[in-house]
Amino acid sequence: MQAIKILAVLVAASAEVFAEGGTRRIVVSLPDRKIALLEDGRVVKIYPIAVGKQSTPSPKGSFHIVSRVVRPTWYQPGKAIPAGPANPLGTRWMGLGYKGYGIHGTNRPKSIGKAASHGCIRMRNEDVEDLFARVEVGDPVELVTETDAITSAGGGQ
């Protein structure tokens, strides 16, 4: 039964990908705390993530990667933390076109797998560097709030 469920999701994902004219898609399952990279409708890789905590939840919906930054600077009112070990954004930033939200690395790898962020999607630095190298500006990103058959299956790694 699980295989049929996964197949149905993958077929739907491929139809959506081809309808949009692209071949790459990112699915972020907030409850599973995983991110899946799909290419041509198949799961290429699944990564563990941290999501927004209850007081600052991650947004849900359809987004696109609008920016990609290597060694980002983290800004907050009156303060800027340059790239380096103290930077909470880790080594990479992929903006989602929703002001202040993105997929990024972290200087707190023990937070991965938890609801711990201020709404962004956190990844281990080695994972975000791998994903960063595989995606481009314009790639669609779907943040879903229900368990996702793609990410809960754990395949594609």
Protein backbone atom coordinates (compact mmCIF):
# COMPACT_ATOMS: atom_id res chain seq x y z
CA MET A 1 0.00 0.00 0.00
CA GLN A 2 2.86 2.39 0.87
CA ALA A 3 4.43 1.78 -2.56
CA ILE A 4 1.16 2.69 -4.30
CA LYS A 5 0.91 5.88 -2.23
CA ILE A 6 4.48 6.88 -3.11
CA LEU A 7 3.89 6.09 -6.79
CA ALA A 8 0.74 8.24 -6.83
CA VAL A 9 2.61 11.17 -5.29
CA LEU A 10 5.49 10.81 -7.72
CA VAL A 11 3.13 10.67 -10.72
CA ALA A 12 1.36 13.81 -9.48
CA ALA A 13 4.72 15.49 -8.86
CA SER A 14 5.90 14.67 -12.39
CA ALA A 15 2.73 16.04 -13.93
CA GLU A 16 3.17 19.26 -11.96
CA VAL A 17 6.84 19.55 -12.90
CA PHE A 18 6.18 19.10 -16.62
CA ALA A 19 3.16 21.42 -16.48
CA GLU A 20 5.45 24.14 -15.11
CA GLY A 21 7.99 23.47 -17.86
CA GLY A 22 10.76 22.65 -15.39
CA THR A 23 12.48 19.43 -14.48
CA ARG A 24 13.53 20.21 -10.92
CA ARG A 25 11.33 20.70 -7.85
CA ILE A 26 11.88 20.93 -4.10
CA VAL A 27 9.31 19.60 -1.64
CA VAL A 28 9.66 20.62 2.01
CA SER A 29 7.61 18.48 4.37
CA LEU A 30 7.28 20.52 7.54
CA PRO A 31 5.86 17.68 9.71
CA ASP A 32 8.43 15.15 8.43
CA ARG A 33 11.20 17.74 8.81
CA LYS A 34 12.69 16.68 5.50
CA ILE A 35 13.33 18.29 2.14
CA ALA A 36 13.20 16.30 -1.10
CA LEU A 37 14.83 17.25 -4.37
CA LEU A 38 13.00 15.86 -7.41
CA GLU A 39 14.32 15.88 -10.97
CA ASP A 40 12.20 14.73 -13.88
CA GLY A 41 9.63 13.49 -11.37
CA ARG A 42 11.97 11.22 -9.43
CA VAL A 43 13.44 11.68 -5.99
CA VAL A 44 17.13 12.49 -6.27
CA LYS A 45 17.90 13.17 -2.62
CA ILE A 46 16.19 13.66 0.74
CA TYR A 47 17.78 15.79 3.46
CA PRO A 48 16.87 16.25 7.14
CA ILE A 49 15.97 19.81 8.15
CA ALA A 50 14.89 22.02 11.03
CA VAL A 51 11.70 24.03 10.64
CA GLY A 52 10.11 26.99 12.38
CA LYS A 53 9.20 26.61 16.03
CA GLN A 54 5.60 26.99 17.17
CA SER A 55 5.96 30.71 17.95
CA THR A 56 7.62 31.42 14.57
CA PRO A 57 6.35 28.76 12.15
CA SER A 58 7.63 28.16 8.65
CA PRO A 59 5.30 29.45 5.95
CA LYS A 60 3.35 26.99 3.87
CA GLY A 61 2.64 27.24 0.18
CA SER A 62 4.33 27.54 -3.20
CA PHE A 63 7.50 29.57 -3.59
CA HIS A 64 10.50 29.77 -5.91
CA ILE A 65 14.18 30.16 -5.26
CA VAL A 66 14.78 33.86 -5.93
CA SER A 67 18.36 34.21 -4.70
CA ARG A 68 21.42 32.09 -3.98
CA VAL A 69 24.20 33.40 -1.75
CA VAL A 70 27.51 31.77 -0.84
CA ARG A 71 28.80 32.74 2.62
CA PRO A 72 25.83 35.00 3.49
CA THR A 73 25.86 37.80 6.05
CA TRP A 74 23.10 37.61 8.66
CA TYR A 75 21.35 40.89 9.42
CA GLN A 76 19.10 41.90 12.28
CA PRO A 77 18.26 45.46 13.38
CA GLY A 78 21.49 47.17 14.38
CA LYS A 79 23.64 44.09 13.87
CA ALA A 80 25.32 42.16 11.07
CA ILE A 81 27.15 38.87 11.45
CA PRO A 82 29.52 38.16 8.55
CA ALA A 83 30.19 34.71 7.14
CA GLY A 84 31.94 32.43 9.60
CA PRO A 85 31.32 30.06 12.50
CA ALA A 86 29.08 32.51 14.42
CA ASN A 87 26.76 33.10 11.46
CA PRO A 88 23.35 31.45 12.01
CA LEU A 89 22.82 31.12 8.22
CA GLY A 90 25.73 28.75 7.83
CA THR A 91 27.51 28.60 4.49
CA ARG A 92 24.63 29.03 1.99
CA TRP A 93 21.34 30.94 1.60
CA MET A 94 18.54 30.30 -0.90
CA GLY A 95 15.85 32.97 -0.64
CA LEU A 96 12.25 31.90 -1.21
CA GLY A 97 10.76 35.20 -2.34
CA TYR A 98 8.90 35.57 0.95
CA LYS A 99 10.62 38.41 2.79
CA GLY A 100 13.18 37.08 5.24
CA TYR A 101 12.51 33.38 4.59
CA GLY A 102 14.80 30.91 2.94
CA ILE A 103 16.62 27.61 3.01
CA HIS A 104 20.02 27.93 4.65
CA GLY A 105 22.79 26.23 6.56
CA THR A 106 23.26 26.58 10.30
CA ASN A 107 25.82 27.01 13.03
CA ARG A 108 23.58 24.79 15.21
CA PRO A 109 23.58 21.37 13.55
CA LYS A 110 21.97 19.74 16.60
CA SER A 111 18.76 21.65 15.76
CA ILE A 112 18.26 19.55 12.61
CA GLY A 113 15.20 17.35 12.97
CA LYS A 114 13.50 19.81 15.31
CA ALA A 115 11.11 22.75 15.19
CA ALA A 116 13.76 25.28 16.17
CA SER A 117 14.09 28.12 13.66
CA HIS A 118 12.45 31.51 13.27
CA GLY A 119 10.57 30.13 10.27
CA CYS A 120 13.36 29.40 7.81
CA ILE A 121 14.36 25.92 6.68
CA ARG A 122 17.70 24.99 8.25
CA MET A 123 20.02 22.34 6.90
CA ARG A 124 23.40 20.96 7.92
CA ASN A 125 26.06 22.97 6.08
CA GLU A 126 27.27 19.97 4.06
CA ASP A 127 23.66 19.23 3.02
CA VAL A 128 22.83 22.82 2.08
CA GLU A 129 26.02 23.01 0.02
CA ASP A 130 24.99 19.85 -1.83
CA LEU A 131 21.44 21.13 -2.48
CA PHE A 132 22.77 24.59 -3.44
CA ALA A 133 24.97 23.03 -6.13
CA ARG A 134 21.96 21.19 -7.61
CA VAL A 135 19.38 24.00 -7.82
CA GLU A 136 18.97 27.31 -9.61
CA VAL A 137 17.09 30.57 -9.23
CA GLY A 138 13.54 29.97 -10.42
CA ASP A 139 13.23 26.38 -9.18
CA PRO A 140 9.85 25.78 -7.52
CA VAL A 141 9.71 25.06 -3.78
CA GLU A 142 6.60 23.65 -2.11
CA LEU A 143 6.29 23.83 1.69
CA VAL A 144 3.63 21.36 2.81
CA THR A 145 2.04 20.97 6.23
CA GLU A 146 0.82 17.39 5.88
CA THR A 147 3.01 14.31 5.96
CA ASP A 148 4.38 13.84 2.48
CA ALA A 149 4.69 10.38 0.96
CA ILE A 150 7.90 11.38 -0.82
CA THR A 151 9.77 12.51 2.27
CA SER A 152 8.27 10.01 4.72
CA ALA A 153 9.41 7.14 2.49
CA GLY A 154 13.02 8.27 2.96
CA GLY A 155 14.10 7.11 -0.51
CA GLY A 156 16.40 8.71 -3.02
CA GLN A 157 19.47 9.14 -0.86
